[in-house]
Protein backbone atom coordinates (compact mmCIF):
# COMPACT_ATOMS: atom_id res chain seq x y z
CA SER A 1 -0.27 -0.20 -0.11
CA GLY A 2 1.20 3.66 -0.90
CA SER A 3 1.78 5.04 2.72
CA PRO A 4 3.16 8.48 3.15
CA THR A 5 6.58 9.12 3.57
CA LYS A 6 6.20 10.19 7.49
CA SER A 7 4.15 6.98 9.21
CA PRO A 8 0.80 8.75 10.76
CA GLN A 9 1.35 6.74 13.66
CA LEU A 10 4.78 8.93 15.06
CA TYR A 11 1.93 12.02 15.21
CA GLY A 12 1.33 13.70 18.69
CA ILE A 13 -0.87 16.59 17.52
CA GLY A 14 -2.18 19.25 19.74
CA CYS A 15 -5.17 21.34 19.36
CA ALA A 16 -6.72 24.49 20.66
CA THR A 17 -9.50 23.53 23.23
CA SER A 18 -11.83 25.79 24.93
CA SER A 19 -13.65 24.57 27.89
CA ASN A 20 -17.04 25.28 29.09
CA ASN A 21 -16.17 24.93 32.93
CA ASP A 22 -16.21 21.34 32.41
CA SER A 23 -12.89 19.32 32.91
CA ARG A 24 -14.05 16.20 30.86
CA LYS A 25 -12.10 16.02 27.48
CA SER A 26 -15.06 14.44 25.83
CA LYS A 27 -17.27 17.64 26.76
CA ARG A 28 -14.53 20.17 25.37
CA ARG A 29 -14.69 22.16 22.09
CA ILE A 30 -11.75 21.85 20.49
CA ARG A 31 -10.85 24.09 16.98
CA TRP A 32 -9.53 22.05 14.31
CA THR A 33 -6.18 23.99 13.16
CA GLU A 34 -5.05 23.48 9.98
CA GLU A 35 -1.88 21.30 11.22
CA LEU A 36 -4.55 19.28 13.11
CA HIS A 37 -6.52 19.01 10.20
CA GLU A 38 -3.52 17.77 8.04
CA SER A 39 -2.50 15.34 10.28
CA PHE A 40 -6.22 14.00 10.79
CA MET A 41 -6.48 13.55 6.68
CA MET A 42 -3.35 12.06 6.33
CA ILE A 43 -4.04 9.27 8.83
CA VAL A 44 -7.63 8.88 7.43
CA ASP A 45 -6.09 8.61 3.82
CA HIS A 46 -3.48 5.98 5.38
CA LEU A 47 -6.94 4.14 6.86
CA GLY A 48 -8.34 3.88 3.43
CA GLY A 49 -10.27 7.22 3.11
CA PRO A 50 -13.42 8.86 5.03
CA GLU A 51 -15.68 6.20 4.31
CA LYS A 52 -13.53 3.02 5.44
CA ALA A 53 -11.58 4.81 8.38
CA LYS A 54 -12.67 4.04 11.58
CA PRO A 55 -12.50 6.80 14.67
CA LYS A 56 -11.08 4.67 17.12
CA ALA A 57 -8.12 3.77 14.67
CA ILE A 58 -7.82 7.34 13.75
CA LEU A 59 -7.96 8.23 17.62
CA ASP A 60 -5.31 5.74 18.52
CA MET A 61 -3.14 6.97 15.50
CA MET A 62 -3.20 10.89 16.16
CA LYS A 63 -2.00 10.06 19.80
CA SER A 64 -3.31 13.28 21.09
CA ASN A 65 -4.48 13.82 24.80
CA SER A 66 -6.63 16.84 23.68
CA LEU A 67 -8.94 14.81 21.50
CA SER A 68 -11.76 12.27 22.32
CA LEU A 69 -13.27 10.02 20.30
CA SER A 70 -16.26 12.30 19.88
CA HIS A 71 -14.31 14.98 18.54
CA VAL A 72 -13.00 12.49 15.81
CA LYS A 73 -16.43 10.90 15.42
CA SER A 74 -17.92 14.15 14.72
CA HIS A 75 -14.91 15.84 12.66
CA LEU A 76 -15.02 12.09 10.31
CA GLN A 77 -18.84 12.55 9.48
CA LYS A 78 -18.08 16.47 8.71
CA CYS A 79 -15.23 15.14 6.17
CA ARG A 80 -17.44 12.26 5.10
CA SER A 81 -20.38 14.83 4.46
CA SER A 82 -18.15 17.27 2.40
CA GLU A 83 -16.54 14.29 0.35
CA ARG A 84 -19.81 13.44 -0.82
CA VAL A 85 -20.81 17.01 -1.69
CA HIS A 86 -17.47 17.23 -3.63
CA LYS A 87 -18.66 14.05 -5.43
CA ALA A 88 -21.96 14.97 -6.19
CA LEU A 89 -20.46 18.49 -7.72
CA ARG A 90 -17.90 16.30 -9.80
CA GLU A 91 -20.78 14.30 -11.02
CA ARG A 92 -22.94 17.15 -12.05
CA SER A 93 -19.62 18.93 -13.82
CA GLY A 94 -19.11 15.61 -15.74
CA GLU A 95 -22.33 15.79 -17.08
CA GLY A 96 -22.13 19.16 -18.77
CA HIS A 97 -23.17 21.26 -15.60
CA ARG A 98 -20.12 23.73 -15.15
CA THR A 99 -19.14 24.46 -12.07
CA ASP A 100 -18.60 27.84 -10.97
CA LYS A 101 -18.20 30.61 -8.00
CA VAL A 102 -21.95 30.15 -7.36
CA THR A 103 -21.60 26.42 -7.00
CA GLU A 104 -18.78 27.04 -5.03
CA LEU A 105 -20.52 29.46 -2.85
CA GLN A 106 -23.27 26.85 -2.29
CA LEU A 107 -20.71 24.69 -1.24
CA LYS A 108 -19.50 26.78 1.53
CA ILE A 109 -22.94 27.61 2.44
CA TYR A 110 -23.93 24.03 2.88
CA MET A 111 -20.83 23.21 5.23
CA GLN A 112 -21.60 26.26 7.34
CA ILE A 113 -25.46 25.01 7.61
CA GLU A 114 -24.00 21.51 8.01
CA GLU A 115 -21.60 22.45 10.84
CA SER A 116 -24.40 25.02 12.26
CA ARG A 117 -26.36 21.77 12.83
CA GLN A 118 -23.78 19.63 14.35
CA LEU A 119 -23.32 22.67 16.88
CA GLN A 120 -26.91 23.08 17.44
CA LEU A 121 -26.62 19.04 18.09
CA GLU A 122 -23.94 19.24 20.90
CA VAL A 123 -25.82 22.27 22.58
CA ARG A 124 -29.08 20.39 22.42
CA LYS A 125 -27.27 17.57 24.09
CA SER A 126 -25.37 19.82 26.85
CA ILE A 127 -28.90 21.31 27.74
CA SER A 128 -30.47 17.88 28.05
CA GLN A 129 -27.60 17.00 30.26
CA GLN A 130 -27.91 19.94 32.22
CA LEU A 131 -31.62 19.64 32.78
CA GLU A 132 -31.30 15.85 34.00
CA MET A 133 -28.50 17.15 36.16
CA GLN A 134 -30.64 19.90 37.70
CA ARG A 135 -33.77 16.79 38.21
CA SER A 136 -31.35 14.89 40.17
CA LEU A 137 -30.08 17.85 42.37
CA GLU A 138 -33.58 18.70 42.98
CA THR A 139 -34.43 15.17 43.92
CA LEU A 140 -31.61 15.05 45.99
CA ILE A 141 -32.31 18.33 47.75
CA GLU A 142 -36.09 17.30 48.60
CA GLU A 143 -34.63 13.88 49.94
CA HIS A 144 -31.96 15.87 52.25
CA SER A 145 -34.99 18.29 53.39
CA LYS A 146 -37.07 15.04 54.32
CA LYS A 147 -34.04 13.43 56.44
CA LEU A 148 -33.26 16.81 58.22
CA LYS A 149 -37.24 17.42 59.27
CA VAL A 150 -36.90 13.91 60.90
CA ILE A 151 -33.79 14.44 62.32
CA THR A 152 -35.00 17.56 63.75
CA TRP A 153 -37.93 16.38 64.89
CA THR A 154 -36.20 13.19 66.75
CA GLU A 155 -33.87 15.67 68.19
CA LEU A 156 -37.21 17.77 69.71
CA TYR A 157 -38.50 14.35 70.98
CA HIS A 158 -35.87 13.41 72.83
CA VAL A 159 -35.18 16.97 74.46
CA THR A 160 -39.15 17.06 75.28
CA ASP A 161 -38.82 13.41 76.58
CA ALA A 162 -35.59 14.20 78.66
CA SER A 163 -36.79 17.66 80.26
CA PRO A 164 -38.40 18.23 83.66
CA LYS A 165 -41.97 17.47 84.06
CA ASN A 166 -42.89 20.87 85.20
CA GLY A 167 -43.84 22.11 81.75
CA ALA A 168 -40.82 24.28 81.44
CA CYS A 169 -40.04 22.79 77.90
CA SER A 170 -43.66 23.25 76.72
CA SER A 171 -42.99 26.90 75.18
CA TYR A 172 -39.68 25.54 73.88
CA TRP A 173 -41.49 22.49 71.99
CA ILE A 174 -44.20 25.24 70.45
CA THR A 175 -41.40 27.20 69.34
CA ARG A 176 -39.28 24.87 67.79
CA SER A 177 -42.11 22.89 65.91
CA ASN A 178 -43.80 26.08 64.69
CA MET A 179 -40.40 26.96 62.99
CA ILE A 180 -40.40 23.05 61.24
CA THR A 181 -43.73 23.66 59.83
């Protein structure tokens, strides 16, 4: 097989990242620099092209601590989509339709729309996860509140039970019980 002069297995590529207050690498957005994209494409070509390359194999060969499997999957999907558009344009051009600046503009617009759609999906997923986390926290707060009430009532019961029988604690009991309800 005609592999490049430099083995793709030797690339340890860094990338620009921006964290959204989340230290998990799968959640960080990355900016695909030209160098990172070129390395990615070299590895994809080495693995047989965008349709044959597997995300896990690409990730293993890139040797980048900044990339996650979801980053690679997303970028590979974008490359596959772009290649399909280019293939369709080449076929149209071969059928007698001329490829001109309007077609190139259409391609750029399509790619921007596709990128926006991917970003929307990521945002939607993130919001969904945040809502799920918020619901879990609300449930946890309710459970802790119930436990706190039980502990407080138990404590009040023991204080009242251990007090002298002269009625000195009854006002304390009333004051504390009014605070809880």
